[in-house]
Amino acid sequence: MEEAFYPVLENWPLLFLLGIAGVYILQRVQYRQTYKDYLNLPWVGDGSTTDLRSAMEQGTRKYPDRPFILPLQDPTVILPHSVIEEVKSLPASQASIERNNYRRFFGQYTLMGIPSDEFVSSIKQDLTRHVGILLPELFEEARFATDCAMGGDKTCHLLPVYPAMLRYIALLSGRTFVGLPLSRSEDWIQSSIQYAVESVEAGHQLRAYPTTLRRLVAPFLAKIRRVQQHQKKVRHMLRNILAKSQELEKSTDSRDPDQGRLALWLRRHYRQRHSTITESDLGKDHLLASFAAIHIATNALTQILLDLAARPEYQEPLRNEAAQGLDLTGESKITMAELSKLVRLDSFMKESLRASPPGGVVTMMRELTAPIALSCGPILPKGTLIAFANNRFDMSSHQPSDPDDFDGFRFVKEDGGSRQQLITTSHDSLTWGYGSHACPGRQFAATELKVIIIHLLTNFDLRMKDGAPRPANSSHDFQIMPDPHAVIEFCKRNN
């Protein structure tokens, strides 16, 4: 009996390996059985291309009620709009924005997607509540940015619009978050801009490598190193602001300061959840604020200005609306209520962002943190990346007869502007996302854009250089970007 047992003992390594192989095979069989519908989803597009616009249009047209997959380095399931209500407010325990951002933007190097409830609360609650109070500062910063870019006696100025608007947005957002004098420091402006721009470029560069090699090559990529240098530089410049915010936190003065606002807001929210607050956390949240404020807002502002310059017939009606609704000689007295009544401006901006969505080809991007079953069919496994087509690229939904047909006053005509305001989110308006996870800073972003546009339209005529047509957008991965070399001529008006 014992002798018969010895061969089994001698072959235990082989039996152990066979057992592991058996368990693995069983798991794979169970996985395929559970997710067979998911595994059979159609793939649309060419995995070698970086321009996803035509693939998205093709997929939504061919599969209006069924998910399909875009064959990227990180394959993404595009869900039909029929299930948007099921997904829009899923909790992070089922579908996570942060996990998606961390994965797509390589958060271990860029900080994108690192969870911070304190940052979201500061933007959603404090920043939104203060937008009206900030209006005088925003107009002042718009004037300062214009004096820097277009000062002097020249009547007309040719500006490469995207780089110019990067500075405008950096100045206005910097004045809001950190205040003077730091916000106008050239070191601050450049580091804020370059951190936002190069974080995206670093992601593009790293995504070109196979997943298994990314961790190995990342430390050697120049873009990754530069992003981390900007992080270090911004944190160093913030030290005095953070120290001052600590003193203000202990102050009995309930007014928020002109300097270090974001730091104080963050401290209040961190204090509710943690016994200690680190400079590292506060610095990271300031960097996230710079990225969110600069990258998307500059993209949106550039698209709107290009549409205005290429369609000058809209400029005078918008000026007249602003002149009738606002006291432009006393900008410090303009209110949010008055801005909200500029329905033609709202419509034009919304139409521009419909045609050229700053968030890109997709919206509501998530990584599933648990398996979910939607009414459109397959059970999707944990770890799946999901998204919806942005309205412009969803060929299954109600679209203008020609989605590229630009009608700047479209939304005023539809309902008089009451429900179609720029920051309103809905199934048919996904520029800012939708549901409980819609962009928390959209009120500030929209106001910031309006302030700059009103200031420029009031003081300048905008036109394309030499009467050229509007330059085409480019697309890389999910992004839609304006031509970075496009030039607009700004000619002073005799007001």
Protein backbone atom coordinates (compact mmCIF):
# COMPACT_ATOMS: atom_id res chain seq x y z
CA MET A 1 0.00 0.00 0.00
CA GLU A 2 2.77 2.39 1.04
CA GLU A 3 4.93 1.42 -1.98
CA ALA A 4 2.03 2.17 -4.32
CA PHE A 5 1.78 5.65 -2.83
CA TYR A 6 5.44 6.54 -3.43
CA PRO A 7 5.09 7.24 -7.20
CA VAL A 8 2.36 9.77 -6.40
CA LEU A 9 4.67 11.56 -3.97
CA GLU A 10 7.52 11.51 -6.46
CA ASN A 11 5.32 13.17 -9.14
CA TRP A 12 3.77 15.82 -6.89
CA PRO A 13 5.31 18.78 -8.83
CA LEU A 14 3.68 17.57 -12.05
CA LEU A 15 0.37 16.96 -10.28
CA PHE A 16 0.56 20.44 -8.73
CA LEU A 17 1.13 22.07 -12.13
CA LEU A 18 -1.69 20.03 -13.66
CA GLY A 19 -3.96 21.15 -10.86
CA ILE A 20 -3.12 24.81 -11.47
CA ALA A 21 -3.64 24.35 -15.21
CA GLY A 22 -6.98 22.68 -14.54
CA VAL A 23 -8.16 25.53 -12.31
CA TYR A 24 -7.05 28.10 -14.92
CA ILE A 25 -8.86 26.27 -17.73
CA LEU A 26 -11.99 25.98 -15.61
CA GLN A 27 -11.87 29.71 -14.81
CA ARG A 28 -11.44 30.60 -18.48
CA VAL A 29 -14.35 28.36 -19.48
CA GLN A 30 -16.53 29.98 -16.81
CA TYR A 31 -15.38 33.45 -17.91
CA ARG A 32 -16.18 32.76 -21.56
CA GLN A 33 -19.55 31.34 -20.63
CA THR A 34 -20.42 34.35 -18.44
CA TYR A 35 -19.12 37.00 -20.83
CA LYS A 36 -19.75 35.31 -24.17
CA ASP A 37 -21.91 38.21 -25.40
CA TYR A 38 -19.25 40.71 -24.38
CA LEU A 39 -16.52 38.70 -26.11
CA ASN A 40 -18.59 38.65 -29.29
CA LEU A 41 -19.09 42.41 -29.48
CA PRO A 42 -18.15 43.87 -32.88
CA TRP A 43 -14.90 45.79 -33.29
CA VAL A 44 -15.11 48.95 -35.36
CA GLY A 45 -12.26 50.85 -36.96
CA ASP A 46 -8.60 50.32 -37.64
CA GLY A 47 -6.42 49.87 -34.58
CA SER A 48 -3.49 51.53 -36.34
CA THR A 49 -5.18 54.93 -36.74
CA THR A 50 -5.21 57.66 -34.11
CA ASP A 51 -8.18 59.54 -35.61
CA LEU A 52 -11.36 57.94 -34.24
CA ARG A 53 -13.97 60.31 -35.68
CA SER A 54 -14.99 58.22 -38.68
CA ALA A 55 -14.88 54.97 -36.67
CA MET A 56 -17.24 56.46 -34.10
CA GLU A 57 -19.67 57.67 -36.76
CA GLN A 58 -19.52 54.30 -38.51
CA GLY A 59 -20.05 52.37 -35.26
CA THR A 60 -23.01 54.42 -33.98
CA ARG A 61 -24.66 54.31 -37.39
CA LYS A 62 -24.21 50.54 -37.79
CA TYR A 63 -24.92 49.58 -34.17
CA PRO A 64 -27.40 52.19 -32.85
CA ASP A 65 -28.68 49.97 -30.03
CA ARG A 66 -25.72 47.71 -29.40
CA PRO A 67 -22.30 48.25 -27.79
CA PHE A 68 -19.20 48.03 -29.96
CA ILE A 69 -15.48 48.19 -29.30
CA LEU A 70 -12.90 50.68 -30.57
CA PRO A 71 -9.62 48.77 -31.06
CA LEU A 72 -7.19 51.04 -29.17
CA GLN A 73 -4.17 50.08 -27.09
CA ASP A 74 -6.73 50.17 -24.27
CA PRO A 75 -9.85 48.82 -26.06
CA THR A 76 -12.97 50.77 -25.12
CA VAL A 77 -16.60 49.68 -25.23
CA ILE A 78 -18.85 52.37 -26.73
CA LEU A 79 -22.32 52.09 -25.25
CA PRO A 80 -25.52 53.12 -27.05
CA HIS A 81 -27.20 56.30 -25.83
CA SER A 82 -30.26 54.23 -24.91
CA VAL A 83 -28.50 53.19 -21.65
CA ILE A 84 -27.09 56.59 -20.70
CA GLU A 85 -29.62 56.98 -17.88
CA GLU A 86 -28.48 53.64 -16.44
CA VAL A 87 -24.83 54.69 -16.37
CA LYS A 88 -24.84 58.45 -15.69
CA SER A 89 -24.80 58.26 -11.89
CA LEU A 90 -23.26 54.87 -11.14
CA PRO A 91 -21.16 55.06 -7.95
CA ALA A 92 -17.38 54.61 -7.99
CA SER A 93 -17.89 51.11 -6.60
CA GLN A 94 -19.31 50.18 -10.03
CA ALA A 95 -17.84 52.66 -12.52
CA SER A 96 -15.00 55.05 -11.73
CA ILE A 97 -14.01 58.27 -13.50
CA GLU A 98 -10.79 58.44 -11.46
CA ARG A 99 -9.73 54.91 -12.37
CA ASN A 100 -10.34 55.71 -16.04
CA ASN A 101 -8.31 58.95 -15.85
CA TYR A 102 -5.50 57.28 -13.92
CA ARG A 103 -5.26 54.56 -16.55
CA ARG A 104 -5.58 56.78 -19.63
CA PHE A 105 -3.43 59.67 -18.40
CA PHE A 106 -0.89 57.49 -16.53
CA GLY A 107 -1.63 59.00 -13.15
CA GLN A 108 1.43 57.45 -11.54
CA TYR A 109 3.45 60.02 -13.52
CA THR A 110 0.99 62.87 -14.29
CA LEU A 111 -1.17 62.69 -11.09
CA MET A 112 -4.32 62.51 -13.24
CA GLY A 113 -6.99 60.30 -11.71
CA ILE A 114 -5.58 60.21 -8.18
CA PRO A 115 -8.77 60.34 -6.07
CA SER A 116 -9.38 63.55 -4.13
CA ASP A 117 -12.86 64.07 -2.71
CA GLU A 118 -11.55 67.26 -1.12
CA PHE A 119 -10.57 68.71 -4.50
CA VAL A 120 -13.95 67.83 -6.06
CA SER A 121 -15.80 69.36 -3.09
CA SER A 122 -13.70 72.54 -3.28
CA ILE A 123 -14.53 72.99 -6.96
CA LYS A 124 -18.15 71.86 -6.84
CA GLN A 125 -19.10 73.82 -3.72
CA ASP A 126 -16.69 76.67 -3.01
CA LEU A 127 -15.63 77.67 -6.51
CA THR A 128 -19.18 77.50 -7.86
CA ARG A 129 -20.47 79.59 -4.95
CA HIS A 130 -17.80 82.25 -5.51
CA VAL A 131 -18.10 82.67 -9.29
CA GLY A 132 -20.25 85.80 -9.01
CA ILE A 133 -17.86 87.36 -6.50
CA LEU A 134 -14.93 86.61 -8.82
CA LEU A 135 -16.38 88.42 -11.87
CA PRO A 136 -14.54 91.75 -11.29
CA GLU A 137 -11.21 89.91 -10.98
CA LEU A 138 -11.90 87.87 -14.11
CA PHE A 139 -12.65 90.99 -16.17
CA GLU A 140 -9.55 92.69 -14.75
CA GLU A 141 -7.40 89.71 -15.69
CA ALA A 142 -8.91 89.62 -19.20
CA ARG A 143 -7.89 93.27 -19.65
CA PHE A 144 -4.40 92.54 -18.31
CA ALA A 145 -3.98 89.55 -20.65
CA THR A 146 -5.09 91.69 -23.60
CA ASP A 147 -2.72 94.53 -22.71
CA CYS A 148 0.13 92.01 -22.60
CA ALA A 149 -0.82 90.36 -25.89
CA MET A 150 -2.11 93.33 -27.88
CA GLY A 151 -0.86 96.48 -26.20
CA GLY A 152 0.73 99.41 -27.98
CA ASP A 153 -0.45 101.60 -30.82
CA LYS A 154 -0.93 98.94 -33.49
CA THR A 155 -4.46 98.75 -34.83
CA CYS A 156 -4.37 95.07 -35.75
CA HIS A 157 -2.61 92.15 -34.11
CA LEU A 158 -2.06 88.70 -35.61
CA LEU A 159 -2.07 86.11 -32.86
CA PRO A 160 -1.63 82.34 -32.98
CA VAL A 161 -4.86 81.82 -31.12
CA TYR A 162 -4.23 78.58 -29.19
CA PRO A 163 -0.94 79.68 -27.53
CA ALA A 164 -2.43 83.12 -26.83
CA MET A 165 -5.52 81.66 -25.17
CA LEU A 166 -3.37 79.33 -23.06
CA ARG A 167 -2.00 82.48 -21.40
CA TYR A 168 -5.44 84.03 -21.00
CA ILE A 169 -6.81 80.94 -19.27
CA ALA A 170 -3.66 80.50 -17.14
CA LEU A 171 -3.95 84.12 -15.95
CA LEU A 172 -7.67 83.98 -15.11
CA SER A 173 -7.55 80.59 -13.41
CA GLY A 174 -4.31 81.46 -11.60
CA ARG A 175 -5.84 84.70 -10.28
CA THR A 176 -8.77 82.65 -8.98
CA PHE A 177 -6.83 79.80 -7.37
CA VAL A 178 -3.62 81.39 -6.02
CA GLY A 179 -4.10 85.15 -6.50
CA LEU A 180 -1.69 88.00 -7.10
CA PRO A 181 1.26 88.37 -7.38
CA LEU A 182 2.03 84.68 -7.96
CA SER A 183 -0.62 84.25 -10.67
CA ARG A 184 1.16 86.79 -12.92
CA SER A 185 4.63 85.39 -12.31
CA GLU A 186 6.07 84.14 -15.60
CA ASP A 187 7.43 81.04 -13.84
CA TRP A 188 3.94 80.21 -12.55
CA ILE A 189 2.28 80.85 -15.91
CA GLN A 190 4.77 78.73 -17.84
CA SER A 191 4.83 75.85 -15.36
CA SER A 192 1.03 75.76 -15.17
CA ILE A 193 0.69 75.75 -18.95
CA GLN A 194 3.46 73.26 -19.62
CA TYR A 195 2.25 70.87 -16.93
CA ALA A 196 -1.21 70.78 -18.53
CA VAL A 197 0.05 70.51 -22.11
CA GLU A 198 2.88 68.07 -21.53
CA SER A 199 0.82 65.76 -19.32
CA VAL A 200 -1.39 65.08 -22.36
CA GLU A 201 1.62 64.76 -24.68
CA ALA A 202 3.34 62.39 -22.24
CA GLY A 203 0.24 60.19 -22.26
CA HIS A 204 0.24 60.08 -26.08
CA GLN A 205 3.95 59.20 -26.09
CA LEU A 206 3.67 56.46 -23.47
CA ARG A 207 0.48 54.97 -24.94
CA ALA A 208 2.37 54.15 -28.13
CA TYR A 209 4.30 51.44 -26.24
CA PRO A 210 2.83 48.02 -25.42
CA THR A 211 1.32 47.83 -21.95
CA THR A 212 3.98 45.43 -20.72
CA LEU A 213 6.79 47.86 -21.59
CA ARG A 214 5.33 51.15 -20.35
CA ARG A 215 6.59 50.89 -16.79
CA LEU A 216 10.08 50.16 -18.10
CA VAL A 217 10.32 52.97 -20.66
CA ALA A 218 8.45 55.71 -18.73
CA PRO A 219 11.42 56.90 -16.62
CA PHE A 220 13.45 57.44 -19.80
CA LEU A 221 10.88 59.51 -21.72
CA ALA A 222 11.66 63.22 -21.89
CA LYS A 223 7.99 64.20 -21.61
CA ILE A 224 7.51 62.19 -18.41
CA ARG A 225 10.60 63.76 -16.85
CA ARG A 226 9.45 67.25 -17.83
CA VAL A 227 5.99 66.70 -16.34
CA GLN A 228 7.57 65.67 -13.05
CA GLN A 229 9.88 68.70 -13.15
CA HIS A 230 6.87 70.99 -13.54
CA GLN A 231 5.18 69.27 -10.60
CA LYS A 232 8.23 69.91 -8.43
CA LYS A 233 8.49 73.55 -9.54
CA VAL A 234 4.80 74.31 -8.91
CA ARG A 235 4.97 72.74 -5.44
CA HIS A 236 7.99 74.90 -4.60
CA MET A 237 6.20 78.09 -5.74
CA LEU A 238 3.16 77.17 -3.65
CA ARG A 239 5.00 76.95 -0.32
CA ASN A 240 4.31 80.51 0.83
CA ILE A 241 0.67 80.28 -0.29
CA LEU A 242 0.16 77.03 1.60
CA ALA A 243 1.80 78.42 4.74
CA LYS A 244 -0.40 81.51 4.60
CA SER A 245 -3.53 79.37 4.16
CA GLN A 246 -2.63 77.52 7.36
CA GLU A 247 -2.59 80.84 9.24
CA LEU A 248 -5.86 81.94 7.64
CA GLU A 249 -7.51 78.66 8.61
CA LYS A 250 -6.97 79.59 12.26
CA SER A 251 -8.21 83.15 11.74
CA THR A 252 -11.64 84.26 12.93
CA ASP A 253 -12.12 86.24 9.71
CA SER A 254 -14.82 84.40 7.74
CA ARG A 255 -14.01 86.14 4.45
CA ASP A 256 -12.08 84.17 1.88
CA PRO A 257 -8.79 85.83 0.91
CA ASP A 258 -7.82 87.16 -2.51
CA GLN A 259 -4.62 85.12 -2.21
CA GLY A 260 -4.59 81.36 -1.71
CA ARG A 261 -8.32 80.75 -2.08
CA LEU A 262 -8.05 77.19 -3.32
CA ALA A 263 -5.60 76.25 -0.55
CA LEU A 264 -8.00 77.52 2.12
CA TRP A 265 -10.99 75.74 0.55
CA LEU A 266 -9.00 72.52 0.37
CA ARG A 267 -7.88 72.80 4.00
CA ARG A 268 -11.48 73.11 5.16
CA HIS A 269 -12.52 69.96 3.31
CA TYR A 270 -9.42 67.98 4.31
CA ARG A 271 -10.02 68.99 7.94
CA GLN A 272 -13.46 67.35 7.83
CA ARG A 273 -11.96 64.00 6.83
CA HIS A 274 -8.38 63.89 8.12
CA SER A 275 -6.49 64.78 11.26
CA THR A 276 -3.42 65.89 9.30
CA ILE A 277 -3.05 67.84 6.05
CA THR A 278 0.11 67.46 3.99
CA GLU A 279 1.73 69.92 1.58
CA SER A 280 1.95 67.03 -0.87
CA ASP A 281 -1.84 66.65 -0.99
CA LEU A 282 -2.45 70.38 -1.35
CA GLY A 283 0.21 70.67 -4.05
CA LYS A 284 -1.24 67.73 -5.96
CA ASP A 285 -4.73 69.28 -5.86
CA HIS A 286 -3.41 72.62 -7.18
CA LEU A 287 -1.79 70.76 -10.07
CA LEU A 288 -5.05 68.97 -10.82
CA ALA A 289 -6.85 72.33 -10.78
CA SER A 290 -4.33 73.76 -13.27
CA PHE A 291 -4.76 70.82 -15.60
CA ALA A 292 -8.57 70.89 -15.46
CA ALA A 293 -8.75 74.67 -15.84
CA ILE A 294 -6.18 75.09 -18.59
CA HIS A 295 -6.39 72.11 -20.93
CA ILE A 296 -10.12 71.82 -21.68
CA ALA A 297 -10.92 75.53 -21.28
CA THR A 298 -8.20 76.60 -23.73
CA ASN A 299 -9.40 74.05 -26.25
CA ALA A 300 -12.99 75.30 -25.91
CA LEU A 301 -12.05 79.00 -26.05
CA THR A 302 -9.91 78.51 -29.15
CA GLN A 303 -12.71 76.67 -30.96
CA ILE A 304 -15.22 79.43 -30.13
CA LEU A 305 -12.90 82.24 -31.28
CA LEU A 306 -12.11 80.42 -34.53
CA ASP A 307 -15.83 80.05 -35.20
CA LEU A 308 -16.37 83.76 -34.50
CA ALA A 309 -13.50 84.82 -36.75
CA ALA A 310 -14.61 82.51 -39.57
CA ARG A 311 -18.25 83.68 -39.24
CA PRO A 312 -18.02 87.46 -38.70
CA GLU A 313 -21.77 87.90 -39.31
CA TYR A 314 -22.36 86.71 -35.74
CA GLN A 315 -20.10 89.29 -34.10
CA GLU A 316 -22.35 92.36 -34.27
CA PRO A 317 -25.51 90.61 -32.95
CA LEU A 318 -23.47 89.29 -30.02
CA ARG A 319 -21.99 92.72 -29.34
CA ASN A 320 -25.44 94.30 -29.39
CA GLU A 321 -26.77 91.71 -26.96
CA ALA A 322 -23.86 92.35 -24.57
CA ALA A 323 -24.23 96.14 -24.88
CA GLN A 324 -27.95 95.97 -24.11
CA GLY A 325 -27.63 93.48 -21.25
CA LEU A 326 -24.43 94.61 -19.51
CA ASP A 327 -22.88 97.85 -18.32
CA LEU A 328 -19.60 97.39 -20.17
CA THR A 329 -18.27 100.72 -18.88
CA GLY A 330 -18.49 99.38 -15.33
CA GLU A 331 -17.38 95.75 -15.63
CA SER A 332 -16.92 95.46 -11.88
CA LYS A 333 -20.71 95.72 -11.43
CA ILE A 334 -21.69 92.98 -13.91
CA THR A 335 -23.59 90.15 -12.25
CA MET A 336 -24.14 86.47 -12.95
CA ALA A 337 -27.85 87.15 -13.45
CA GLU A 338 -27.02 89.60 -16.25
CA LEU A 339 -24.60 87.16 -17.88
CA SER A 340 -27.23 84.42 -17.82
CA LYS A 341 -29.55 86.56 -19.95
CA LEU A 342 -27.13 86.64 -22.89
CA VAL A 343 -28.96 83.79 -24.60
CA ARG A 344 -27.44 84.41 -28.04
CA LEU A 345 -23.92 84.21 -26.63
CA ASP A 346 -24.88 81.05 -24.74
CA SER A 347 -26.27 79.53 -27.93
CA PHE A 348 -23.24 80.42 -30.04
CA MET A 349 -20.82 78.96 -27.50
CA LYS A 350 -22.92 75.82 -27.11
CA GLU A 351 -23.12 75.33 -30.88
CA SER A 352 -19.36 75.77 -31.23
CA LEU A 353 -18.74 73.15 -28.55
CA ARG A 354 -21.32 70.84 -30.12
CA ALA A 355 -19.51 70.98 -33.44
CA SER A 356 -16.03 70.74 -31.87
CA PRO A 357 -16.47 69.11 -28.45
CA PRO A 358 -13.48 70.01 -26.23
CA GLY A 359 -13.81 66.69 -24.41
CA GLY A 360 -13.31 64.88 -27.70
CA VAL A 361 -15.05 62.10 -29.60
CA VAL A 362 -16.40 60.47 -26.44
CA THR A 363 -17.90 61.50 -23.14
CA MET A 364 -18.69 59.92 -19.75
CA MET A 365 -15.60 57.72 -19.80
CA ARG A 366 -15.41 55.21 -16.95
CA GLU A 367 -13.54 52.10 -15.87
CA LEU A 368 -15.81 49.43 -14.45
CA THR A 369 -14.86 48.52 -10.90
CA ALA A 370 -17.42 45.69 -10.79
CA PRO A 371 -19.20 43.61 -13.44
CA ILE A 372 -22.40 45.28 -14.65
CA ALA A 373 -25.32 44.17 -16.79
CA LEU A 374 -27.06 46.85 -18.82
CA SER A 375 -30.32 46.62 -20.71
CA CYS A 376 -28.44 46.81 -24.04
CA GLY A 377 -27.23 43.26 -23.59
CA PRO A 378 -23.92 41.91 -22.46
CA ILE A 379 -22.55 41.59 -18.93
CA LEU A 380 -19.41 43.73 -18.94
CA PRO A 381 -16.54 42.50 -16.74
CA LYS A 382 -14.66 44.47 -14.12
CA GLY A 383 -11.83 46.51 -15.66
CA THR A 384 -13.70 47.26 -18.89
CA LEU A 385 -13.29 50.82 -20.18
CA ILE A 386 -16.62 52.29 -21.28
CA ALA A 387 -17.73 55.55 -22.90
CA PHE A 388 -20.50 57.13 -24.97
CA ALA A 389 -20.17 58.91 -28.29
CA ASN A 390 -20.27 62.66 -27.90
CA ASN A 391 -23.44 64.09 -29.44
CA ARG A 392 -21.71 65.35 -32.58
CA PHE A 393 -20.42 61.85 -33.39
CA ASP A 394 -23.49 59.84 -32.41
CA MET A 395 -25.14 59.04 -35.74
CA SER A 396 -27.90 57.04 -34.04
CA SER A 397 -29.45 59.99 -32.22
CA HIS A 398 -31.35 63.06 -33.31
CA GLN A 399 -28.92 65.22 -35.25
CA PRO A 400 -29.22 68.28 -37.45
CA SER A 401 -29.74 67.21 -41.06
CA ASP A 402 -26.02 67.83 -41.48
CA PRO A 403 -24.14 67.62 -38.14
CA ASP A 404 -21.41 69.83 -39.59
CA ASP A 405 -23.94 72.55 -40.43
CA PHE A 406 -23.14 75.43 -38.04
CA ASP A 407 -26.08 77.46 -36.71
CA GLY A 408 -24.87 79.79 -33.96
CA PHE A 409 -28.36 80.66 -32.75
CA ARG A 410 -29.73 77.12 -33.01
CA PHE A 411 -30.52 76.82 -29.30
CA VAL A 412 -32.26 80.18 -29.05
CA LYS A 413 -34.58 79.12 -31.89
CA GLU A 414 -35.37 75.80 -30.25
CA ASP A 415 -36.77 77.10 -26.96
CA GLY A 416 -35.84 80.71 -26.50
CA GLY A 417 -32.70 79.77 -24.59
CA SER A 418 -34.43 78.88 -21.32
CA ARG A 419 -33.46 75.20 -21.10
CA GLN A 420 -30.55 75.23 -23.52
CA GLN A 421 -28.04 77.19 -21.48
CA LEU A 422 -24.39 76.42 -22.01
CA ILE A 423 -23.87 74.62 -18.70
CA THR A 424 -27.11 72.62 -18.82
CA THR A 425 -26.40 68.90 -19.03
CA SER A 426 -28.81 66.45 -20.62
CA HIS A 427 -29.01 63.35 -22.78
CA ASP A 428 -28.76 65.65 -25.81
CA SER A 429 -26.04 67.90 -24.42
CA LEU A 430 -23.04 65.98 -23.14
CA THR A 431 -20.29 68.61 -23.45
CA TRP A 432 -19.89 68.71 -19.65
CA GLY A 433 -20.86 65.08 -19.02
CA TYR A 434 -24.18 64.15 -17.46
CA GLY A 435 -25.64 63.07 -14.16
CA SER A 436 -24.16 63.39 -10.68
CA HIS A 437 -20.62 63.14 -12.07
CA ALA A 438 -20.94 65.98 -14.59
CA CYS A 439 -18.03 68.45 -14.63
CA PRO A 440 -18.04 70.07 -11.15
CA GLY A 441 -16.34 73.24 -12.40
CA ARG A 442 -18.54 73.94 -15.41
CA GLN A 443 -20.09 77.10 -13.92
CA PHE A 444 -16.67 78.67 -13.46
CA ALA A 445 -15.34 77.43 -16.80
CA ALA A 446 -18.33 78.78 -18.75
CA THR A 447 -18.16 82.13 -16.95
CA GLU A 448 -14.44 82.43 -17.55
CA LEU A 449 -14.96 81.81 -21.28
CA LYS A 450 -17.80 84.34 -21.45
CA VAL A 451 -15.74 87.04 -19.75
CA ILE A 452 -12.89 86.63 -22.24
CA ILE A 453 -15.18 86.48 -25.28
CA ILE A 454 -17.22 89.52 -24.20
CA HIS A 455 -14.03 91.49 -23.56
CA LEU A 456 -12.50 90.57 -26.94
CA LEU A 457 -15.70 91.09 -28.95
CA THR A 458 -16.32 94.47 -27.33
CA ASN A 459 -12.85 95.76 -28.14
CA PHE A 460 -11.88 93.97 -31.37
CA ASP A 461 -13.14 92.77 -34.71
CA LEU A 462 -12.02 89.18 -35.24
CA ARG A 463 -11.16 87.76 -38.65
CA MET A 464 -9.15 84.93 -40.13
CA LYS A 465 -5.78 85.91 -41.56
CA ASP A 466 -6.12 86.92 -45.25
CA GLY A 467 -9.75 85.78 -45.21
CA ALA A 468 -8.73 82.14 -44.93
CA PRO A 469 -11.43 79.56 -44.07
CA ARG A 470 -11.66 78.11 -40.59
CA PRO A 471 -8.82 75.61 -40.19
CA ALA A 472 -9.86 72.00 -39.68
CA ASN A 473 -9.62 70.29 -36.31
CA SER A 474 -7.31 67.37 -35.73
CA SER A 475 -7.99 64.23 -33.73
CA HIS A 476 -5.65 62.02 -31.75
CA ASP A 477 -7.03 59.14 -29.72
CA PHE A 478 -10.29 60.52 -28.28
CA GLN A 479 -9.24 64.17 -28.41
CA ILE A 480 -10.52 66.83 -30.79
CA MET A 481 -8.03 69.70 -31.05
CA PRO A 482 -8.05 73.00 -32.93
CA ASP A 483 -5.17 73.73 -35.28
CA PRO A 484 -2.41 74.92 -32.89
CA HIS A 485 -0.97 77.13 -35.64
CA ALA A 486 -4.24 78.88 -36.57
CA VAL A 487 -3.93 82.67 -36.58
CA ILE A 488 -6.67 85.23 -35.86
CA GLU A 489 -6.38 88.94 -36.64
CA PHE A 490 -7.68 91.15 -33.81
CA CYS A 491 -8.39 94.73 -35.00
CA LYS A 492 -9.22 97.43 -32.46
CA ARG A 493 -12.70 98.87 -32.59
CA ASN A 494 -13.52 102.56 -32.13
CA ASN A 495 -15.84 102.16 -29.14
